[in-house]
């Protein structure tokens, strides 16, 4: 029986190492490689892999957020690849999910693969998926943020989320736009989005979150494209469907 595997990691060298190690496993076939969560979502739906090597820490959309998007369609077996410390990975151990702690040795890799192989062979996919979904549920924030702590030189400012007009992604940082001020916070867009009230903030593109209370209008551009116009006149490009945004604005 051939096992279809998918490699998801934003680091090319990390993907290459996993691919080379899998080449030594004759019963495992690499169905594809992905550099981010969006690519992985499409690849999982296309290839329906039996096994996914998933990097936890990726920009824009981390591994946990990617799996949340899949919902009940999570792959049968997921091996997390993470740089988290030993304390953090206890969450994986509790749920009997396997993980590879970077940098990992070949012997540890083969151990994880063998465990995955046994799970797939026994077809214990239902129980594994349930434990995975339970882990994702437990990692959800208890409450949405009402303010953010911003470190600036030797002081810490507290910015109310209601005052943030829009948020811009900048790699592993986000830029909070509050009036004429811009604050930098070390956090990925996806991680911050999960902690903000979805009734107040909407992601209108891969790199932009907007406060719905600050939206003045949606302005049509070329070829069916639109921009979001804020009350101060700023125009933000939108890649999300116009109907969905209109619906959200209607009930915000």
C-alpha atoms as a PDB file:
ATOM      1  CA  UNK A   1       0.000   0.000   0.000  1.00  0.00           C
ATOM      2  CA  UNK A   2       1.372   3.388  -1.010  1.00  0.00           C
ATOM      3  CA  UNK A   3       1.072   6.175   1.548  1.00  0.00           C
ATOM      4  CA  UNK A   4       0.590   9.639   0.054  1.00  0.00           C
ATOM      5  CA  UNK A   5       2.436  12.336   1.978  1.00  0.00           C
ATOM      6  CA  UNK A   6       2.313  16.126   1.816  1.00  0.00           C
ATOM      7  CA  UNK A   7       5.118  18.376   3.104  1.00  0.00           C
ATOM      8  CA  UNK A   8       4.118  21.813   4.405  1.00  0.00           C
ATOM      9  CA  UNK A   9       6.897  24.158   5.535  1.00  0.00           C
ATOM     10  CA  UNK A  10       7.809  27.725   4.605  1.00  0.00           C
ATOM     11  CA  UNK A  11      11.541  26.885   4.712  1.00  0.00           C
ATOM     12  CA  UNK A  12      12.846  25.305   1.450  1.00  0.00           C
ATOM     13  CA  UNK A  13      15.707  23.527   3.234  1.00  0.00           C
ATOM     14  CA  UNK A  14      13.313  21.993   5.759  1.00  0.00           C
ATOM     15  CA  UNK A  15      11.089  20.681   2.948  1.00  0.00           C
ATOM     16  CA  UNK A  16      14.109  19.298   1.137  1.00  0.00           C
ATOM     17  CA  UNK A  17      15.337  17.414   4.209  1.00  0.00           C
ATOM     18  CA  UNK A  18      11.966  15.777   4.804  1.00  0.00           C
ATOM     19  CA  UNK A  19      11.714  14.872   1.117  1.00  0.00           C
ATOM     20  CA  UNK A  20      15.187  13.275   1.180  1.00  0.00           C
ATOM     21  CA  UNK A  21      14.374  11.269   4.300  1.00  0.00           C
ATOM     22  CA  UNK A  22      11.083  10.095   2.796  1.00  0.00           C
ATOM     23  CA  UNK A  23      12.958   8.897  -0.289  1.00  0.00           C
ATOM     24  CA  UNK A  24      14.341   6.153   1.942  1.00  0.00           C
ATOM     25  CA  UNK A  25      10.807   4.943   2.751  1.00  0.00           C
ATOM     26  CA  UNK A  26       9.698   2.858  -0.279  1.00  0.00           C
ATOM     27  CA  UNK A  27       6.038   2.754   0.731  1.00  0.00           C
ATOM     28  CA  UNK A  28       5.681   6.548   0.998  1.00  0.00           C
ATOM     29  CA  UNK A  29       5.075   8.754  -2.027  1.00  0.00           C
ATOM     30  CA  UNK A  30       5.409  12.552  -1.787  1.00  0.00           C
ATOM     31  CA  UNK A  31       2.221  13.932  -3.343  1.00  0.00           C
ATOM     32  CA  UNK A  32       3.335  17.540  -3.072  1.00  0.00           C
ATOM     33  CA  UNK A  33       5.170  20.299  -1.205  1.00  0.00           C
ATOM     34  CA  UNK A  34       3.695  23.575   0.041  1.00  0.00           C
ATOM     35  CA  UNK A  35       5.319  26.736   1.353  1.00  0.00           C
ATOM     36  CA  UNK A  36       2.292  28.211   3.126  1.00  0.00           C
ATOM     37  CA  UNK A  37      -1.143  27.451   4.509  1.00  0.00           C
ATOM     38  CA  UNK A  38      -3.089  28.557   1.444  1.00  0.00           C
ATOM     39  CA  UNK A  39      -1.119  26.209  -0.821  1.00  0.00           C
ATOM     40  CA  UNK A  40      -1.560  23.402   1.699  1.00  0.00           C
ATOM     41  CA  UNK A  41      -5.341  23.814   1.872  1.00  0.00           C
ATOM     42  CA  UNK A  42      -5.586  23.488  -1.905  1.00  0.00           C
ATOM     43  CA  UNK A  43      -3.159  20.555  -2.023  1.00  0.00           C
ATOM     44  CA  UNK A  44      -4.970  18.604   0.686  1.00  0.00           C
ATOM     45  CA  UNK A  45      -8.270  18.958  -1.122  1.00  0.00           C
ATOM     46  CA  UNK A  46      -6.639  17.963  -4.416  1.00  0.00           C
ATOM     47  CA  UNK A  47      -4.471  15.017  -3.309  1.00  0.00           C
ATOM     48  CA  UNK A  48      -6.272  13.774  -0.148  1.00  0.00           C
ATOM     49  CA  UNK A  49      -2.967  12.733   1.473  1.00  0.00           C
ATOM     50  CA  UNK A  50      -2.767  10.011   4.122  1.00  0.00           C
ATOM     51  CA  UNK A  51       0.028  11.794   5.953  1.00  0.00           C
ATOM     52  CA  UNK A  52       0.964  15.471   6.347  1.00  0.00           C
ATOM     53  CA  UNK A  53       4.218  16.871   7.709  1.00  0.00           C
ATOM     54  CA  UNK A  54       3.065  20.262   8.959  1.00  0.00           C
ATOM     55  CA  UNK A  55       5.226  23.146  10.136  1.00  0.00           C
ATOM     56  CA  UNK A  56       3.527  24.844  13.084  1.00  0.00           C
ATOM     57  CA  UNK A  57       5.160  28.250  12.726  1.00  0.00           C
ATOM     58  CA  UNK A  58       4.529  29.771   9.294  1.00  0.00           C
ATOM     59  CA  UNK A  59       3.887  33.412   8.350  1.00  0.00           C
ATOM     60  CA  UNK A  60       0.360  34.565   7.493  1.00  0.00           C
ATOM     61  CA  UNK A  61      -1.326  31.260   8.358  1.00  0.00           C
ATOM     62  CA  UNK A  62       0.279  28.921  10.896  1.00  0.00           C
ATOM     63  CA  UNK A  63      -0.242  25.164  11.007  1.00  0.00           C
ATOM     64  CA  UNK A  64      -3.037  25.228  13.570  1.00  0.00           C
ATOM     65  CA  UNK A  65      -4.998  27.877  11.687  1.00  0.00           C
ATOM     66  CA  UNK A  66      -4.617  25.908   8.458  1.00  0.00           C
ATOM     67  CA  UNK A  67      -6.116  22.817  10.080  1.00  0.00           C
ATOM     68  CA  UNK A  68      -8.988  24.867  11.490  1.00  0.00           C
ATOM     69  CA  UNK A  69      -9.865  25.896   7.938  1.00  0.00           C
ATOM     70  CA  UNK A  70     -10.097  22.224   7.014  1.00  0.00           C
ATOM     71  CA  UNK A  71     -12.489  21.509   9.884  1.00  0.00           C
ATOM     72  CA  UNK A  72     -13.756  17.937   9.772  1.00  0.00           C
ATOM     73  CA  UNK A  73     -11.691  17.297   6.637  1.00  0.00           C
ATOM     74  CA  UNK A  74      -8.357  17.159   8.491  1.00  0.00           C
ATOM     75  CA  UNK A  75      -5.971  14.502   7.117  1.00  0.00           C
ATOM     76  CA  UNK A  76      -5.912  11.103   8.844  1.00  0.00           C
ATOM     77  CA  UNK A  77      -2.405  11.563  10.273  1.00  0.00           C
ATOM     78  CA  UNK A  78      -0.530  14.818  10.926  1.00  0.00           C
ATOM     79  CA  UNK A  79       3.077  14.970  12.097  1.00  0.00           C
ATOM     80  CA  UNK A  80       3.788  18.449  13.429  1.00  0.00           C
ATOM     81  CA  UNK A  81       7.217  19.890  12.634  1.00  0.00           C
ATOM     82  CA  UNK A  82       7.975  22.586  15.179  1.00  0.00           C
ATOM     83  CA  UNK A  83      10.658  24.703  16.782  1.00  0.00           C
ATOM     84  CA  UNK A  84       8.601  25.033  19.968  1.00  0.00           C
ATOM     85  CA  UNK A  85      10.419  24.194  23.173  1.00  0.00           C
ATOM     86  CA  UNK A  86       9.875  20.979  25.124  1.00  0.00           C
ATOM     87  CA  UNK A  87       7.308  22.585  27.415  1.00  0.00           C
ATOM     88  CA  UNK A  88       5.109  23.719  24.539  1.00  0.00           C
ATOM     89  CA  UNK A  89       5.057  20.376  22.744  1.00  0.00           C
ATOM     90  CA  UNK A  90       3.421  18.710  25.736  1.00  0.00           C
ATOM     91  CA  UNK A  91       0.127  19.787  24.168  1.00  0.00           C
ATOM     92  CA  UNK A  92       0.833  17.417  21.286  1.00  0.00           C
ATOM     93  CA  UNK A  93       1.806  14.564  23.594  1.00  0.00           C
ATOM     94  CA  UNK A  94      -1.415  14.800  25.577  1.00  0.00           C
ATOM     95  CA  UNK A  95      -3.429  14.237  22.422  1.00  0.00           C
ATOM     96  CA  UNK A  96      -1.254  11.351  21.213  1.00  0.00           C
ATOM     97  CA  UNK A  97      -0.235  13.314  18.123  1.00  0.00           C
ATOM     98  CA  UNK A  98       3.305  12.995  16.864  1.00  0.00           C
ATOM     99  CA  UNK A  99       5.709  15.838  16.315  1.00  0.00           C
ATOM    100  CA  UNK A 100       9.286  16.487  15.199  1.00  0.00           C
ATOM    101  CA  UNK A 101      11.167  19.077  17.214  1.00  0.00           C
ATOM    102  CA  UNK A 102      13.588  21.029  15.015  1.00  0.00           C
ATOM    103  CA  UNK A 103      16.390  20.159  14.550  1.00  0.00           C
ATOM    104  CA  UNK A 104      15.473  16.464  14.576  1.00  0.00           C
ATOM    105  CA  UNK A 105      17.640  13.410  13.962  1.00  0.00           C
ATOM    106  CA  UNK A 106      17.018  10.815  11.272  1.00  0.00           C
ATOM    107  CA  UNK A 107      16.247   8.188  13.929  1.00  0.00           C
ATOM    108  CA  UNK A 108      13.511  10.390  15.427  1.00  0.00           C
ATOM    109  CA  UNK A 109      12.104  11.015  11.953  1.00  0.00           C
ATOM    110  CA  UNK A 110      11.897   7.275  11.204  1.00  0.00           C
ATOM    111  CA  UNK A 111      10.212   6.711  14.556  1.00  0.00           C
ATOM    112  CA  UNK A 112       7.512   9.276  13.734  1.00  0.00           C
ATOM    113  CA  UNK A 113       7.033   7.820  10.254  1.00  0.00           C
ATOM    114  CA  UNK A 114       6.671   4.303  11.635  1.00  0.00           C
ATOM    115  CA  UNK A 115       4.089   5.470  14.124  1.00  0.00           C
ATOM    116  CA  UNK A 116       2.159   7.193  11.334  1.00  0.00           C
ATOM    117  CA  UNK A 117       2.439   4.075   9.184  1.00  0.00           C
ATOM    118  CA  UNK A 118       0.926   1.959  11.951  1.00  0.00           C
ATOM    119  CA  UNK A 119      -1.935   4.390  12.482  1.00  0.00           C
ATOM    120  CA  UNK A 120      -2.739   4.422   8.774  1.00  0.00           C
ATOM    121  CA  UNK A 121      -2.503   0.640   8.501  1.00  0.00           C
ATOM    122  CA  UNK A 122      -4.856   0.138  11.425  1.00  0.00           C
ATOM    123  CA  UNK A 123      -7.189   2.760   9.977  1.00  0.00           C
ATOM    124  CA  UNK A 124      -7.624   4.415  13.352  1.00  0.00           C
ATOM    125  CA  UNK A 125      -8.278   7.674  11.567  1.00  0.00           C
ATOM    126  CA  UNK A 126     -11.494   8.639  13.345  1.00  0.00           C
ATOM    127  CA  UNK A 127      -9.978   8.684  16.819  1.00  0.00           C
ATOM    128  CA  UNK A 128      -6.856  10.471  15.614  1.00  0.00           C
ATOM    129  CA  UNK A 129      -8.886  13.162  13.851  1.00  0.00           C
ATOM    130  CA  UNK A 130     -11.055  13.678  16.929  1.00  0.00           C
ATOM    131  CA  UNK A 131      -7.976  14.202  19.103  1.00  0.00           C
ATOM    132  CA  UNK A 132      -6.575  16.641  16.566  1.00  0.00           C
ATOM    133  CA  UNK A 133      -9.798  18.645  16.467  1.00  0.00           C
ATOM    134  CA  UNK A 134      -9.842  18.658  20.264  1.00  0.00           C
ATOM    135  CA  UNK A 135      -6.336  20.107  20.301  1.00  0.00           C
ATOM    136  CA  UNK A 136      -7.347  22.864  17.889  1.00  0.00           C
ATOM    137  CA  UNK A 137     -10.402  23.656  19.998  1.00  0.00           C
ATOM    138  CA  UNK A 138      -8.329  23.956  23.163  1.00  0.00           C
ATOM    139  CA  UNK A 139      -5.896  26.332  21.471  1.00  0.00           C
ATOM    140  CA  UNK A 140      -8.619  28.848  20.635  1.00  0.00           C
ATOM    141  CA  UNK A 141      -8.352  32.071  22.648  1.00  0.00           C
ATOM    142  CA  UNK A 142     -10.691  32.268  25.628  1.00  0.00           C
ATOM    143  CA  UNK A 143     -11.816  35.796  24.779  1.00  0.00           C
ATOM    144  CA  UNK A 144     -11.244  38.380  22.073  1.00  0.00           C
ATOM    145  CA  UNK A 145      -8.766  41.175  22.698  1.00  0.00           C
ATOM    146  CA  UNK A 146     -10.062  44.573  23.778  1.00  0.00           C
ATOM    147  CA  UNK A 147      -6.607  46.175  23.694  1.00  0.00           C
ATOM    148  CA  UNK A 148      -3.067  45.417  22.545  1.00  0.00           C
ATOM    149  CA  UNK A 149       0.219  46.066  24.321  1.00  0.00           C
ATOM    150  CA  UNK A 150       2.708  47.894  22.080  1.00  0.00           C
ATOM    151  CA  UNK A 151       6.368  48.202  23.094  1.00  0.00           C
ATOM    152  CA  UNK A 152       7.927  51.501  22.059  1.00  0.00           C
ATOM    153  CA  UNK A 153      11.483  52.181  23.257  1.00  0.00           C
ATOM    154  CA  UNK A 154      11.343  52.045  27.059  1.00  0.00           C
ATOM    155  CA  UNK A 155       7.577  52.214  27.444  1.00  0.00           C
ATOM    156  CA  UNK A 156       4.549  50.033  26.760  1.00  0.00           C
ATOM    157  CA  UNK A 157       1.439  51.564  25.200  1.00  0.00           C
ATOM    158  CA  UNK A 158      -1.995  49.999  25.388  1.00  0.00           C
ATOM    159  CA  UNK A 159      -4.011  50.469  22.223  1.00  0.00           C
ATOM    160  CA  UNK A 160      -7.735  49.762  22.286  1.00  0.00           C
ATOM    161  CA  UNK A 161      -8.703  47.470  19.424  1.00  0.00           C
ATOM    162  CA  UNK A 162     -11.767  49.639  18.735  1.00  0.00           C
ATOM    163  CA  UNK A 163      -9.400  52.516  17.872  1.00  0.00           C
ATOM    164  CA  UNK A 164      -7.452  50.496  15.293  1.00  0.00           C
ATOM    165  CA  UNK A 165      -8.641  51.443  11.806  1.00  0.00           C
ATOM    166  CA  UNK A 166      -6.794  48.802   9.857  1.00  0.00           C
ATOM    167  CA  UNK A 167      -3.988  46.288  10.285  1.00  0.00           C
ATOM    168  CA  UNK A 168      -1.245  45.542   7.778  1.00  0.00           C
ATOM    169  CA  UNK A 169       0.908  42.403   7.624  1.00  0.00           C
ATOM    170  CA  UNK A 170       4.703  42.752   7.470  1.00  0.00           C
ATOM    171  CA  UNK A 171       6.175  39.250   7.665  1.00  0.00           C
ATOM    172  CA  UNK A 172       6.243  38.167  11.305  1.00  0.00           C
ATOM    173  CA  UNK A 173       5.036  41.617  12.354  1.00  0.00           C
ATOM    174  CA  UNK A 174       1.807  43.582  12.002  1.00  0.00           C
ATOM    175  CA  UNK A 175       1.348  47.319  11.667  1.00  0.00           C
ATOM    176  CA  UNK A 176      -1.545  48.819  13.628  1.00  0.00           C
ATOM    177  CA  UNK A 177      -2.876  51.969  11.985  1.00  0.00           C
ATOM    178  CA  UNK A 178      -4.524  54.259  14.526  1.00  0.00           C
ATOM    179  CA  UNK A 179      -5.301  57.687  13.103  1.00  0.00           C
ATOM    180  CA  UNK A 180      -1.992  59.215  12.006  1.00  0.00           C
ATOM    181  CA  UNK A 181       0.011  56.808  14.153  1.00  0.00           C
ATOM    182  CA  UNK A 182       1.380  53.391  13.219  1.00  0.00           C
ATOM    183  CA  UNK A 183       2.389  50.856  15.861  1.00  0.00           C
ATOM    184  CA  UNK A 184       4.498  47.755  15.233  1.00  0.00           C
ATOM    185  CA  UNK A 185       3.656  44.480  17.012  1.00  0.00           C
ATOM    186  CA  UNK A 186       5.639  41.267  16.702  1.00  0.00           C
ATOM    187  CA  UNK A 187       2.900  38.809  15.763  1.00  0.00           C
ATOM    188  CA  UNK A 188       1.708  37.210  12.547  1.00  0.00           C
ATOM    189  CA  UNK A 189      -1.463  38.420  10.905  1.00  0.00           C
ATOM    190  CA  UNK A 190      -3.140  35.033  11.253  1.00  0.00           C
ATOM    191  CA  UNK A 191      -2.337  34.745  14.955  1.00  0.00           C
ATOM    192  CA  UNK A 192      -3.658  38.235  15.675  1.00  0.00           C
ATOM    193  CA  UNK A 193      -6.774  37.732  13.554  1.00  0.00           C
ATOM    194  CA  UNK A 194      -7.709  34.703  15.656  1.00  0.00           C
ATOM    195  CA  UNK A 195      -7.642  36.905  18.779  1.00  0.00           C
ATOM    196  CA  UNK A 196      -9.761  39.734  17.374  1.00  0.00           C
ATOM    197  CA  UNK A 197     -13.547  39.852  17.363  1.00  0.00           C
ATOM    198  CA  UNK A 198     -14.664  38.767  13.855  1.00  0.00           C
ATOM    199  CA  UNK A 199     -17.741  40.970  14.226  1.00  0.00           C
ATOM    200  CA  UNK A 200     -15.441  43.996  14.377  1.00  0.00           C
ATOM    201  CA  UNK A 201     -12.509  43.038  12.129  1.00  0.00           C
ATOM    202  CA  UNK A 202     -12.610  41.548   8.647  1.00  0.00           C
ATOM    203  CA  UNK A 203      -9.715  40.267   6.559  1.00  0.00           C
ATOM    204  CA  UNK A 204     -10.219  41.829   3.144  1.00  0.00           C
ATOM    205  CA  UNK A 205      -6.988  40.485   1.631  1.00  0.00           C
ATOM    206  CA  UNK A 206      -4.030  38.290   2.468  1.00  0.00           C
ATOM    207  CA  UNK A 207      -2.225  41.187   4.133  1.00  0.00           C
ATOM    208  CA  UNK A 208      -5.006  43.458   5.423  1.00  0.00           C
ATOM    209  CA  UNK A 209      -7.507  43.436   8.283  1.00  0.00           C
ATOM    210  CA  UNK A 210      -9.982  46.282   8.514  1.00  0.00           C
ATOM    211  CA  UNK A 211     -12.119  47.606  11.357  1.00  0.00           C
ATOM    212  CA  UNK A 212     -15.664  47.451   9.953  1.00  0.00           C
ATOM    213  CA  UNK A 213     -16.674  50.537  11.961  1.00  0.00           C
ATOM    214  CA  UNK A 214     -14.110  52.552   9.977  1.00  0.00           C
ATOM    215  CA  UNK A 215     -15.386  51.547   6.539  1.00  0.00           C
ATOM    216  CA  UNK A 216     -17.144  54.342   4.627  1.00  0.00           C
ATOM    217  CA  UNK A 217     -17.860  52.592   1.333  1.00  0.00           C
ATOM    218  CA  UNK A 218     -16.857  49.955  -1.210  1.00  0.00           C
ATOM    219  CA  UNK A 219     -15.663  51.516  -4.439  1.00  0.00           C
ATOM    220  CA  UNK A 220     -15.634  49.582  -7.740  1.00  0.00           C
ATOM    221  CA  UNK A 221     -12.423  49.590  -9.770  1.00  0.00           C
ATOM    222  CA  UNK A 222     -11.523  47.669 -12.937  1.00  0.00           C
ATOM    223  CA  UNK A 223     -12.619  44.183 -14.008  1.00  0.00           C
ATOM    224  CA  UNK A 224     -14.980  43.700 -11.095  1.00  0.00           C
ATOM    225  CA  UNK A 225     -12.390  44.584  -8.449  1.00  0.00           C
ATOM    226  CA  UNK A 226     -13.187  46.778  -5.442  1.00  0.00           C
ATOM    227  CA  UNK A 227     -11.370  48.846  -2.836  1.00  0.00           C
ATOM    228  CA  UNK A 228     -12.472  49.507   0.721  1.00  0.00           C
ATOM    229  CA  UNK A 229     -12.646  53.245   1.457  1.00  0.00           C
ATOM    230  CA  UNK A 230     -12.191  54.298   5.078  1.00  0.00           C
ATOM    231  CA  UNK A 231     -13.678  57.411   6.671  1.00  0.00           C
ATOM    232  CA  UNK A 232     -10.338  59.241   6.319  1.00  0.00           C
ATOM    233  CA  UNK A 233     -10.342  58.556   2.566  1.00  0.00           C
ATOM    234  CA  UNK A 234      -7.701  55.819   2.573  1.00  0.00           C
ATOM    235  CA  UNK A 235      -8.317  53.121  -0.046  1.00  0.00           C
ATOM    236  CA  UNK A 236      -7.451  49.492   0.714  1.00  0.00           C
ATOM    237  CA  UNK A 237      -7.362  46.858  -2.071  1.00  0.00           C
ATOM    238  CA  UNK A 238      -9.797  44.003  -1.503  1.00  0.00           C
ATOM    239  CA  UNK A 239      -9.469  40.430  -2.752  1.00  0.00           C
ATOM    240  CA  UNK A 240     -12.336  38.985  -0.732  1.00  0.00           C
ATOM    241  CA  UNK A 241     -15.681  38.474  -2.472  1.00  0.00           C
ATOM    242  CA  UNK A 242     -17.778  41.632  -2.646  1.00  0.00           C
ATOM    243  CA  UNK A 243     -20.969  39.889  -1.536  1.00  0.00           C
ATOM    244  CA  UNK A 244     -19.372  38.517   1.595  1.00  0.00           C
ATOM    245  CA  UNK A 245     -17.976  41.909   2.555  1.00  0.00           C
ATOM    246  CA  UNK A 246     -21.290  43.633   1.905  1.00  0.00           C
ATOM    247  CA  UNK A 247     -23.016  41.053   4.090  1.00  0.00           C
ATOM    248  CA  UNK A 248     -20.549  41.586   6.912  1.00  0.00           C
ATOM    249  CA  UNK A 249     -20.856  45.372   6.712  1.00  0.00           C
ATOM    250  CA  UNK A 250     -24.638  45.103   6.747  1.00  0.00           C
ATOM    251  CA  UNK A 251     -24.695  43.254  10.049  1.00  0.00           C
ATOM    252  CA  UNK A 252     -21.659  44.799  11.744  1.00  0.00           C
END
